[in-house]
Protein backbone atom coordinates (compact mmCIF):
# COMPACT_ATOMS: atom_id res chain seq x y z
CA MET A 1 -26.30 -26.85 -23.82
CA LYS A 2 -23.76 -26.49 -26.30
CA ARG A 3 -23.19 -23.61 -28.85
CA SER A 4 -26.07 -24.19 -31.20
CA SER A 5 -28.83 -22.40 -32.77
CA GLY A 6 -32.44 -22.89 -33.82
CA ILE A 7 -35.67 -21.41 -35.23
CA LEU A 8 -38.96 -20.33 -33.77
CA LEU A 9 -41.91 -21.55 -35.72
CA PRO A 10 -45.44 -22.54 -33.91
CA VAL A 11 -47.02 -25.97 -34.93
CA PHE A 12 -50.05 -23.99 -36.50
CA SER A 13 -47.78 -21.87 -38.58
CA LEU A 14 -46.77 -25.01 -40.85
CA PRO A 15 -48.01 -25.00 -44.47
CA GLY A 16 -50.52 -27.56 -45.59
CA ARG A 17 -54.29 -28.15 -47.00
CA TYR A 18 -56.18 -28.18 -44.07
CA GLY A 19 -56.06 -24.57 -42.75
CA ILE A 20 -53.92 -24.94 -40.07
CA GLY A 21 -50.45 -26.77 -39.52
CA SER A 22 -50.24 -30.27 -38.26
CA LEU A 23 -48.21 -33.16 -37.22
CA GLY A 24 -48.21 -34.79 -40.50
CA ARG A 25 -45.85 -34.21 -43.57
CA GLU A 26 -45.33 -30.65 -43.44
CA ALA A 27 -43.98 -30.82 -40.06
CA ARG A 28 -41.43 -33.66 -41.04
CA ALA A 29 -40.40 -31.54 -44.04
CA PHE A 30 -39.91 -28.35 -41.74
CA ALA A 31 -37.66 -30.55 -39.59
CA ASP A 32 -35.67 -31.52 -42.75
CA PHE A 33 -35.26 -28.22 -43.60
CA LEU A 34 -34.04 -27.28 -40.04
CA HIS A 35 -31.53 -30.11 -40.52
CA SER A 36 -30.20 -28.59 -44.03
CA ALA A 37 -30.07 -25.48 -42.18
CA GLY A 38 -27.72 -26.85 -39.56
CA GLN A 39 -29.82 -26.08 -36.59
CA SER A 40 -30.18 -28.04 -33.65
CA TRP A 41 -33.32 -26.50 -32.29
CA TRP A 42 -36.88 -26.55 -33.27
CA GLN A 43 -38.69 -23.93 -30.84
CA ILE A 44 -42.64 -23.85 -30.86
CA LEU A 45 -45.18 -22.51 -28.93
CA PRO A 46 -47.62 -24.53 -26.18
CA VAL A 47 -49.49 -27.28 -28.18
CA GLY A 48 -52.96 -27.54 -26.00
CA PRO A 49 -56.28 -27.03 -27.09
CA THR A 50 -56.76 -23.53 -27.14
CA GLY A 51 -59.54 -20.99 -25.19
CA ALA A 52 -60.14 -17.64 -25.28
CA GLY A 53 -58.53 -15.45 -28.42
CA ASP A 54 -57.55 -18.70 -30.03
CA SER A 55 -54.36 -18.25 -27.75
CA PRO A 56 -52.21 -21.05 -26.95
CA TYR A 57 -51.47 -19.61 -23.66
CA THR A 58 -55.32 -19.97 -22.57
CA SER A 59 -55.90 -23.73 -22.86
CA VAL A 60 -58.69 -25.55 -21.52
CA SER A 61 -55.82 -28.24 -20.17
CA THR A 62 -52.06 -27.98 -19.41
CA PHE A 63 -51.71 -31.74 -20.14
CA ALA A 64 -54.08 -32.22 -23.53
CA GLY A 65 -53.17 -31.59 -27.17
CA ASN A 66 -54.71 -29.45 -29.57
CA PRO A 67 -57.02 -31.46 -32.06
CA LEU A 68 -56.63 -28.98 -34.56
CA PHE A 69 -52.75 -30.34 -35.12
CA ILE A 70 -53.98 -34.05 -35.59
CA ASP A 71 -52.92 -35.22 -39.30
CA LEU A 72 -56.08 -35.99 -41.08
CA GLU A 73 -54.01 -37.76 -43.75
CA GLN A 74 -52.68 -40.03 -41.04
CA LEU A 75 -56.06 -40.84 -39.98
CA ALA A 76 -57.14 -41.63 -43.72
CA ALA A 77 -53.99 -44.07 -43.87
CA ASP A 78 -55.39 -45.78 -40.76
CA GLY A 79 -58.60 -46.37 -42.58
CA LEU A 80 -60.67 -43.82 -40.39
CA LEU A 81 -61.30 -41.24 -43.07
CA ASP A 82 -61.23 -41.55 -46.74
CA ARG A 83 -60.39 -39.51 -49.97
CA ALA A 84 -63.60 -37.77 -49.91
CA ASP A 85 -63.19 -36.46 -46.27
CA LEU A 86 -59.78 -35.06 -47.05
CA ASP A 87 -60.91 -32.91 -50.17
CA ALA A 88 -63.83 -31.71 -48.17
CA ALA A 89 -61.59 -30.74 -45.49
CA ALA A 90 -59.04 -29.00 -47.83
CA VAL A 91 -58.87 -25.08 -48.10
CA PRO A 92 -56.92 -22.48 -50.31
CA GLU A 93 -53.52 -22.07 -48.47
CA THR A 94 -53.36 -18.69 -47.14
CA ALA A 95 -51.22 -16.91 -44.78
CA SER A 96 -53.54 -16.55 -42.18
CA ILE A 97 -55.66 -19.11 -39.99
CA ASP A 98 -59.40 -19.00 -39.97
CA TYR A 99 -60.25 -20.41 -36.54
CA ALA A 100 -63.71 -20.22 -36.75
CA ALA A 101 -64.22 -22.06 -39.79
CA LEU A 102 -61.87 -24.75 -38.53
CA CYS A 103 -63.86 -25.38 -34.98
CA ARG A 104 -67.01 -25.57 -37.29
CA SER A 105 -65.45 -28.10 -39.86
CA ARG A 106 -63.08 -30.11 -37.70
CA GLU A 107 -64.67 -31.81 -34.81
CA PRO A 108 -67.51 -33.33 -37.38
CA LEU A 109 -64.76 -34.89 -39.13
CA LEU A 110 -62.89 -36.35 -36.20
CA ARG A 111 -66.30 -37.76 -34.62
CA LYS A 112 -66.47 -39.45 -38.10
CA ALA A 113 -63.01 -41.04 -37.53
CA PHE A 114 -64.28 -42.09 -34.07
CA SER A 115 -67.20 -43.87 -35.34
CA ARG A 116 -65.16 -46.07 -37.30
CA LEU A 117 -62.96 -46.86 -34.30
CA SER A 118 -62.95 -50.93 -33.48
CA GLY A 119 -61.29 -53.75 -32.19
CA GLU A 120 -57.39 -53.12 -31.44
CA ARG A 121 -57.57 -49.89 -32.22
CA ALA A 122 -60.46 -48.72 -29.64
CA GLN A 123 -58.74 -50.89 -26.95
CA ALA A 124 -55.60 -49.00 -27.55
CA VAL A 125 -57.47 -45.57 -26.68
CA ARG A 126 -58.84 -47.47 -23.74
CA ASP A 127 -55.24 -48.44 -22.59
CA PHE A 128 -53.81 -44.91 -23.47
CA THR A 129 -56.60 -43.39 -21.12
CA GLU A 130 -55.86 -45.81 -18.24
CA ARG A 131 -52.11 -44.80 -18.46
CA ASN A 132 -52.88 -40.98 -18.38
CA PRO A 133 -55.04 -40.29 -15.38
CA TRP A 134 -55.40 -36.73 -16.51
CA LEU A 135 -57.25 -37.83 -19.58
CA ARG A 136 -60.66 -39.16 -17.71
CA GLU A 137 -61.36 -35.78 -16.13
CA TYR A 138 -60.33 -33.73 -19.34
CA ALA A 139 -62.51 -35.92 -21.42
CA LEU A 140 -65.43 -35.63 -19.10
CA TYR A 141 -65.06 -31.89 -18.91
CA ARG A 142 -65.08 -31.71 -22.54
CA ALA A 143 -68.21 -33.66 -22.58
CA ILE A 144 -69.93 -31.73 -20.02
CA LYS A 145 -69.26 -28.75 -21.82
CA THR A 146 -70.54 -29.85 -24.94
CA HIS A 147 -73.90 -31.27 -23.08
CA PHE A 148 -74.24 -27.63 -21.40
CA ASP A 149 -73.86 -25.73 -24.51
CA ASP A 150 -70.10 -25.07 -24.25
CA ARG A 151 -70.71 -22.89 -21.03
CA ALA A 152 -67.69 -22.53 -18.55
CA TRP A 153 -67.83 -24.91 -15.78
CA PHE A 154 -68.54 -22.35 -13.02
CA ASP A 155 -71.73 -21.64 -14.84
CA TRP A 156 -73.20 -25.13 -15.16
CA PRO A 157 -76.59 -25.53 -13.91
CA ASP A 158 -75.69 -28.76 -11.84
CA GLU A 159 -74.09 -27.19 -8.74
CA ALA A 160 -72.56 -30.58 -7.01
CA LEU A 161 -70.96 -30.80 -10.60
CA ARG A 162 -69.58 -27.54 -10.66
CA SER A 163 -67.96 -28.43 -7.10
CA HIS A 164 -66.55 -31.52 -8.59
CA ASP A 165 -68.55 -33.80 -6.14
CA PRO A 166 -67.50 -37.37 -6.65
CA ALA A 167 -71.26 -38.53 -6.69
CA ALA A 168 -72.08 -35.99 -9.41
CA VAL A 169 -68.93 -36.77 -11.37
CA GLU A 170 -69.80 -40.48 -11.55
CA HIS A 171 -73.14 -39.65 -12.73
CA TRP A 172 -72.21 -37.77 -15.61
CA ARG A 173 -69.34 -39.87 -16.59
CA VAL A 174 -71.95 -42.81 -16.85
CA ALA A 175 -74.42 -40.36 -18.92
CA LEU A 176 -71.63 -39.00 -21.17
CA ALA A 177 -69.26 -41.94 -21.41
CA GLU A 178 -69.89 -42.10 -25.24
CA ASP A 179 -68.88 -38.29 -25.80
CA ALA A 180 -65.87 -38.48 -23.38
CA ALA A 181 -64.96 -41.77 -24.98
CA PHE A 182 -64.72 -39.77 -28.16
CA HIS A 183 -62.52 -36.74 -26.71
CA ALA A 184 -60.04 -39.54 -25.46
CA ALA A 185 -59.77 -40.87 -29.12
CA VAL A 186 -58.90 -37.30 -30.13
CA GLN A 187 -55.84 -37.47 -27.36
CA TYR A 188 -54.63 -40.64 -28.21
CA TRP A 189 -54.39 -39.49 -32.19
CA PHE A 190 -52.61 -36.53 -31.08
CA PHE A 191 -50.25 -37.88 -28.76
CA THR A 192 -49.55 -41.09 -30.80
CA GLN A 193 -48.85 -38.60 -33.97
CA TRP A 194 -46.67 -36.41 -31.73
CA GLU A 195 -44.44 -39.28 -30.45
CA ALA A 196 -43.78 -40.59 -34.06
CA LEU A 197 -43.11 -36.98 -35.06
CA LYS A 198 -40.63 -36.36 -32.31
CA LYS A 199 -39.03 -39.35 -32.72
CA TYR A 200 -38.56 -38.22 -36.12
CA VAL A 201 -37.36 -34.82 -35.19
CA ASN A 202 -34.92 -36.19 -32.83
CA GLY A 203 -33.45 -38.67 -35.30
CA LEU A 204 -32.43 -35.94 -37.51
CA GLY A 205 -30.47 -34.42 -34.48
CA ILE A 206 -32.86 -31.89 -33.75
CA ARG A 207 -34.48 -31.17 -30.40
CA ILE A 208 -37.64 -29.48 -29.38
CA ILE A 209 -38.03 -26.38 -27.18
CA GLY A 210 -41.44 -26.10 -25.98
CA ASP A 211 -43.34 -23.30 -23.70
CA LEU A 212 -44.79 -23.92 -20.38
CA PRO A 213 -47.31 -21.20 -19.72
CA ILE A 214 -46.97 -20.15 -16.06
CA TYR A 215 -50.78 -19.94 -15.63
CA VAL A 216 -53.85 -22.10 -16.75
CA SER A 217 -57.18 -20.75 -17.63
CA LEU A 218 -60.17 -20.29 -15.17
CA ASP A 219 -62.40 -22.40 -17.28
CA SER A 220 -60.36 -25.53 -17.76
CA ALA A 221 -60.19 -29.11 -16.76
CA ASP A 222 -57.26 -28.40 -14.30
CA VAL A 223 -59.30 -25.95 -12.35
CA TRP A 224 -62.43 -27.65 -12.28
CA SER A 225 -61.05 -31.03 -11.11
CA GLU A 226 -58.33 -29.54 -9.15
CA ARG A 227 -59.88 -26.46 -7.41
CA LYS A 228 -57.82 -26.61 -4.30
CA GLU A 229 -54.56 -25.79 -6.32
CA PHE A 230 -55.94 -22.44 -6.83
CA LEU A 231 -57.14 -19.22 -5.20
CA LEU A 232 -60.83 -19.70 -5.61
CA ASP A 233 -63.89 -18.72 -3.46
CA SER A 234 -66.74 -21.47 -2.74
CA ALA A 235 -68.25 -20.52 -5.93
CA GLY A 236 -65.19 -21.19 -7.87
CA ARG A 237 -64.81 -17.54 -9.03
CA PRO A 238 -61.04 -16.21 -7.97
CA SER A 239 -60.76 -12.60 -5.79
CA LYS A 240 -57.70 -11.81 -7.67
CA VAL A 241 -56.25 -12.88 -11.20
CA ALA A 242 -52.96 -12.66 -12.94
CA GLY A 243 -51.55 -10.04 -15.16
CA VAL A 244 -48.51 -7.74 -15.60
CA PRO A 245 -47.78 -4.19 -14.63
CA PRO A 246 -47.38 -1.50 -17.51
CA ASP A 247 -44.48 -2.08 -19.25
CA TYR A 248 -43.13 -1.75 -22.92
CA PHE A 249 -45.73 -3.91 -24.43
CA SER A 250 -48.53 -2.14 -22.87
CA GLU A 251 -49.34 1.25 -20.52
CA ASP A 252 -52.17 -0.54 -19.00
CA GLY A 253 -50.28 -3.59 -18.28
CA GLN A 254 -51.92 -7.08 -19.44
CA LEU A 255 -54.69 -8.29 -17.53
CA TRP A 256 -54.62 -12.04 -18.32
CA GLY A 257 -57.45 -13.06 -15.93
CA ASN A 258 -55.86 -16.67 -15.04
CA PRO A 259 -56.60 -17.71 -11.62
CA LEU A 260 -53.80 -17.47 -9.22
CA TYR A 261 -52.10 -20.44 -7.46
CA ASP A 262 -52.49 -21.34 -3.72
CA TRP A 263 -48.64 -21.40 -3.46
CA ALA A 264 -48.85 -22.46 0.16
CA ALA A 265 -51.15 -25.28 -0.21
CA MET A 266 -48.91 -26.24 -3.33
CA LYS A 267 -45.88 -26.22 -1.07
CA ARG A 268 -47.66 -28.37 1.69
CA ASP A 269 -48.34 -31.05 -1.02
CA GLY A 270 -44.70 -30.87 -2.24
CA PHE A 271 -45.70 -29.18 -5.33
CA GLY A 272 -47.35 -32.75 -6.88
CA TRP A 273 -49.72 -30.90 -9.29
CA TRP A 274 -46.27 -29.09 -10.70
CA ILE A 275 -44.23 -32.09 -10.67
CA ARG A 276 -47.24 -33.84 -12.69
CA ARG A 277 -47.49 -31.12 -14.98
CA VAL A 278 -43.55 -30.89 -16.04
CA GLU A 279 -43.63 -34.64 -16.25
CA GLY A 280 -46.38 -34.15 -19.10
CA ALA A 281 -44.56 -31.74 -20.67
CA SER A 282 -41.18 -33.63 -20.84
CA LYS A 283 -42.94 -36.21 -22.80
CA LEU A 284 -43.38 -33.66 -25.60
CA PHE A 285 -40.18 -31.47 -25.57
CA ASP A 286 -36.60 -31.67 -25.02
CA ALA A 287 -36.32 -28.51 -23.39
CA ILE A 288 -39.03 -26.32 -21.63
CA ARG A 289 -39.05 -22.76 -21.87
CA ILE A 290 -40.74 -21.63 -18.25
CA ASP A 291 -43.19 -18.87 -19.18
CA HIS A 292 -43.14 -15.61 -16.93
CA PHE A 293 -40.31 -16.71 -15.01
CA ARG A 294 -40.34 -13.59 -12.90
CA GLY A 295 -43.96 -14.68 -11.50
CA LEU A 296 -42.13 -17.20 -9.60
CA GLU A 297 -40.18 -14.54 -7.50
CA SER A 298 -42.91 -12.10 -7.23
CA TYR A 299 -46.60 -12.25 -9.42
CA TRP A 300 -48.71 -9.47 -10.19
CA ALA A 301 -51.98 -9.94 -8.57
CA VAL A 302 -55.11 -7.64 -9.99
CA PRO A 303 -58.21 -7.67 -8.03
CA ALA A 304 -60.97 -9.58 -10.08
CA GLY A 305 -63.25 -7.18 -12.03
CA SER A 306 -60.53 -4.34 -12.72
CA GLU A 307 -60.83 -3.00 -15.98
CA THR A 308 -56.97 -2.84 -16.33
CA ALA A 309 -53.85 -4.37 -14.78
CA ARG A 310 -53.00 -1.26 -13.29
CA THR A 311 -54.69 -1.99 -9.94
CA GLY A 312 -52.52 -4.75 -9.29
CA ARG A 313 -49.85 -5.27 -6.74
CA TRP A 314 -46.82 -7.68 -6.37
CA GLU A 315 -47.13 -10.84 -4.21
CA LYS A 316 -44.27 -13.45 -3.39
CA GLY A 317 -44.01 -16.38 -5.45
CA PRO A 318 -42.50 -19.71 -4.68
CA GLY A 319 -39.04 -19.19 -5.84
CA MET A 320 -36.40 -21.93 -5.22
CA ASP A 321 -39.13 -23.90 -3.29
CA LEU A 322 -40.79 -24.86 -6.60
CA LEU A 323 -37.70 -24.67 -9.02
CA GLY A 324 -35.57 -26.84 -6.61
CA VAL A 325 -38.41 -29.55 -6.52
CA LEU A 326 -38.52 -29.28 -10.75
CA THR A 327 -34.84 -29.62 -11.36
CA GLY A 328 -34.64 -32.19 -8.76
CA TRP A 329 -37.32 -34.50 -9.95
CA PHE A 330 -36.25 -33.99 -13.48
CA PRO A 331 -32.61 -33.34 -13.81
CA GLN A 332 -32.58 -34.57 -17.55
CA ILE A 333 -34.69 -31.59 -18.67
CA THR A 334 -33.06 -28.84 -20.08
CA TYR A 335 -34.99 -25.54 -19.04
CA ILE A 336 -34.90 -21.78 -20.03
CA ALA A 337 -36.25 -19.28 -17.93
CA GLU A 338 -38.18 -16.58 -19.98
CA ASP A 339 -36.83 -13.61 -17.67
CA LEU A 340 -38.23 -10.64 -19.40
CA GLY A 341 -40.63 -7.85 -18.23
CA LEU A 342 -40.04 -5.74 -14.99
CA LEU A 343 -36.83 -7.36 -13.59
CA THR A 344 -35.48 -6.65 -10.11
CA ASP A 345 -32.41 -7.86 -8.41
CA ALA A 346 -34.49 -10.53 -6.58
CA VAL A 347 -35.52 -12.16 -10.29
CA HIS A 348 -31.74 -12.19 -11.35
CA ASP A 349 -30.55 -13.93 -7.97
CA LEU A 350 -33.78 -16.43 -8.24
CA ARG A 351 -32.37 -17.19 -12.04
CA ASN A 352 -28.72 -17.52 -10.93
CA ALA A 353 -29.38 -19.76 -8.04
CA SER A 354 -31.82 -21.91 -10.25
CA GLY A 355 -28.96 -22.12 -12.65
CA LEU A 356 -31.14 -21.77 -15.29
CA PRO A 357 -30.18 -19.63 -18.39
CA GLY A 358 -32.17 -16.51 -19.30
CA MET A 359 -33.13 -14.97 -22.51
CA LYS A 360 -31.76 -11.98 -24.34
CA VAL A 361 -33.87 -10.37 -26.90
CA LEU A 362 -32.11 -8.02 -29.59
CA GLU A 363 -35.03 -6.06 -30.37
CA PHE A 364 -35.01 -4.68 -26.83
CA ALA A 365 -31.36 -3.86 -27.02
CA PHE A 366 -30.94 -0.71 -28.88
CA SER A 367 -31.43 2.16 -26.37
CA GLY A 368 -27.51 2.23 -25.72
CA PRO A 369 -24.23 0.79 -24.75
CA ASP A 370 -25.58 -0.18 -21.27
CA ASN A 371 -28.30 -2.17 -22.37
CA ALA A 372 -28.21 -5.94 -21.23
CA TYR A 373 -29.54 -7.00 -24.28
CA LEU A 374 -26.68 -5.85 -26.45
CA PRO A 375 -24.18 -8.73 -27.26
CA HIS A 376 -21.11 -7.07 -25.99
CA ASN A 377 -23.01 -7.28 -22.37
CA TYR A 378 -23.85 -10.82 -22.48
CA THR A 379 -22.28 -13.74 -20.36
CA PRO A 380 -22.17 -17.16 -22.09
CA ARG A 381 -24.96 -18.83 -20.12
CA CYS A 382 -27.68 -17.36 -21.95
CA ILE A 383 -30.31 -17.57 -25.07
CA CYS A 384 -30.41 -14.95 -27.62
CA TYR A 385 -33.33 -14.25 -29.72
CA THR A 386 -33.78 -11.71 -32.13
CA GLY A 387 -37.45 -11.70 -30.89
CA THR A 388 -40.10 -13.94 -29.31
CA HIS A 389 -43.75 -14.72 -30.61
CA ASP A 390 -44.67 -11.34 -28.72
CA ASN A 391 -42.55 -9.30 -30.46
CA ASP A 392 -42.83 -7.90 -34.11
CA THR A 393 -40.66 -9.44 -37.15
CA ALA A 394 -37.00 -7.95 -37.37
CA VAL A 395 -38.18 -6.09 -40.60
CA GLY A 396 -41.41 -4.88 -38.63
CA TRP A 397 -39.65 -4.01 -35.39
CA TYR A 398 -37.11 -1.22 -37.57
CA THR A 399 -39.79 -0.20 -39.50
CA HIS A 400 -41.65 0.96 -36.61
CA ALA A 401 -38.70 1.90 -34.51
CA GLY A 402 -38.22 5.52 -33.29
CA GLU A 403 -35.58 7.78 -34.67
CA ALA A 404 -33.32 7.55 -31.63
CA GLU A 405 -33.28 3.89 -31.75
CA ARG A 406 -32.63 3.49 -35.42
CA ALA A 407 -29.46 5.97 -35.04
CA PHE A 408 -28.32 3.63 -32.35
CA VAL A 409 -28.96 0.68 -34.67
CA LYS A 410 -26.70 2.39 -37.29
CA GLN A 411 -23.76 2.85 -34.82
CA TYR A 412 -24.00 -0.38 -33.57
CA LEU A 413 -24.81 -2.70 -36.42
CA GLY A 414 -24.17 -0.57 -39.62
CA ALA A 415 -27.49 -0.96 -40.55
CA ALA A 416 -29.35 1.92 -42.31
CA ASP A 417 -32.66 0.27 -43.28
CA ALA A 418 -34.89 -2.73 -42.53
CA GLU A 419 -33.40 -5.24 -45.03
CA SER A 420 -29.84 -4.40 -43.72
CA ALA A 421 -31.12 -4.18 -40.14
CA ARG A 422 -32.70 -7.58 -40.42
CA THR A 423 -29.72 -9.44 -41.86
CA ALA A 424 -27.16 -7.69 -39.45
CA LEU A 425 -29.46 -8.57 -36.38
CA LEU A 426 -29.21 -12.12 -37.55
CA ARG A 427 -25.34 -12.17 -37.76
CA CYS A 428 -25.29 -10.50 -34.55
CA GLY A 429 -27.25 -12.81 -32.62
CA GLN A 430 -25.12 -15.83 -34.48
CA GLY A 431 -21.87 -14.20 -33.34
CA SER A 432 -22.75 -13.49 -29.75
CA VAL A 433 -21.34 -15.81 -27.04
CA ALA A 434 -24.96 -17.12 -26.07
CA GLU A 435 -25.15 -20.95 -25.89
CA LEU A 436 -28.13 -20.84 -28.11
CA PHE A 437 -29.53 -18.23 -30.76
CA VAL A 438 -33.01 -18.58 -31.82
CA ALA A 439 -34.53 -16.40 -34.52
CA GLN A 440 -37.93 -16.38 -35.74
CA MET A 441 -38.43 -18.06 -39.16
CA GLN A 442 -40.24 -14.95 -40.38
CA ASP A 443 -36.75 -13.09 -39.94
CA TYR A 444 -34.95 -15.39 -42.10
CA LEU A 445 -37.86 -14.93 -44.60
CA GLY A 446 -37.53 -10.87 -44.25
CA LEU A 447 -41.04 -10.42 -43.58
CA GLY A 448 -42.63 -7.62 -42.37
CA SER A 449 -45.52 -6.59 -39.35
CA GLU A 450 -48.06 -8.84 -41.71
CA ALA A 451 -46.45 -12.12 -40.00
CA ARG A 452 -46.42 -10.99 -36.75
CA ILE A 453 -47.75 -13.75 -34.29
CA ASN A 454 -48.71 -12.00 -31.59
CA VAL A 455 -49.57 -8.28 -30.24
CA PRO A 456 -49.68 -8.59 -26.28
CA GLY A 457 -52.59 -6.87 -24.82
CA VAL A 458 -54.60 -7.18 -28.06
CA GLY A 459 -57.15 -10.02 -27.55
CA THR A 460 -58.11 -10.73 -31.34
CA GLY A 461 -56.40 -11.48 -34.57
CA ASN A 462 -53.35 -13.36 -33.20
CA TRP A 463 -51.91 -16.64 -33.54
CA ARG A 464 -52.88 -16.55 -37.30
CA TRP A 465 -49.76 -16.52 -39.34
CA ARG A 466 -48.76 -19.38 -41.83
CA LEU A 467 -46.18 -20.24 -44.19
CA LEU A 468 -47.26 -20.38 -47.71
CA PRO A 469 -46.19 -23.41 -49.80
CA GLY A 470 -42.47 -22.67 -51.53
CA GLN A 471 -41.42 -20.25 -48.88
CA VAL A 472 -39.08 -22.40 -47.44
CA THR A 473 -36.52 -23.55 -49.71
CA GLU A 474 -33.24 -25.37 -50.17
CA ALA A 475 -31.63 -22.21 -51.19
CA LEU A 476 -32.62 -20.45 -48.09
CA ALA A 477 -31.30 -23.47 -46.19
CA LYS A 478 -28.00 -23.15 -47.75
CA GLU A 479 -27.92 -19.51 -46.87
CA ILE A 480 -28.87 -20.18 -43.12
CA ARG A 481 -26.50 -23.25 -42.99
CA GLU A 482 -23.40 -20.90 -44.04
CA MET A 483 -24.14 -18.48 -41.16
CA THR A 484 -24.42 -20.78 -38.68
CA HIS A 485 -21.28 -22.72 -39.63
CA THR A 486 -19.48 -19.35 -39.92
CA PHE A 487 -20.24 -18.60 -36.12
CA GLY A 488 -19.62 -22.13 -34.72
CA ARG A 489 -23.04 -23.25 -34.20
CA CYS A 490 -23.67 -25.84 -36.45
């Protein structure tokens, strides 16, 4: 990775008429902005269909794309929707996403588009399904969930179906063929549009960094169809679930609730599930950030039913057994280790052994001169961030900082208020020796905590912030480009 810089902006945060960011013209407009601003990378969050709390980290599939991101205007251009449909889907552009309203309105619109599929386009969906083996199980899983009033797979009334018995699966595949075909078509639209967008973005000299969540949701097509990969009992329930211990984000830790992997079984299989997973991600992204990297060294296992993550304990992860397979199978992929959290020498050793660059977050840096996140302590092979999607914006961070932290910010950055701290933080990161510097879009816009994307440990109200029309300007692109050029990152 050469010296460069990028901007973190989730797809859902793009502006537009239809209530949430999409893969259409606003995404291309943002790519044009990145190009004008001298940026080399666009970092996004996971793009799968969201589950509990609307979080992209609780997807119902590790392979599928989010139907809400489909560009409705492209469907209209393909003759699958008309102008009246687009007008009905349009909503006032606000800085917050109303997921409940979107879920009520979007699927009927996509089903209308599906009803108009015929001929070559219908055949293209069938061909796409044949080329992507995961899609048959995902589409059927979604169809069955709809049939059973959206209940989780482990609550379906058919015991054989819960167990993914081949005969039961085939029975429901026939019974729900039309509904499964609809979900396959939705994925065809998503991936066709994504491929076109990625080609456009890459054509501007910009690459995409995507996130690979370490865990998958219990109620997901992945766990239902491949239970052998996870630590579950005979009823499909986990005895232990994922989380992290108490840290700077939460005094009770974070109880994620995801099922844990059967790492021993995965190793015996040569980590085939992970190979398929990363192969799928490599079609979406140019670089992959491995979420919760420290969990590959040791992970926090919490007894199922616990009210907080405090009751967990560390258990050994797959380490280089897995990372060696992934880097060996996919040498063309740029990986980033999200090595945040409670780190030990063993985690640092694993990152060094893997050769992956780690992350330095400036908002964590201002406790004293020895803090590893201060730029004078960096070694070149790292990625510097003002903050991640789990952090406040730079303005919000300074506004809520304690007295001692602000005092050190003034000593180190020469900044004595939120605005000067924001600009100094950007210049500090740009000027560091880190190979790549990434800032949240909100930090270039100077937005406060109202624009925060996620508060870890808080289950509702996250993943909602959006850009408003007119916030991204040529003047801002010029300002960013000048800073990027000054520090040798253009």
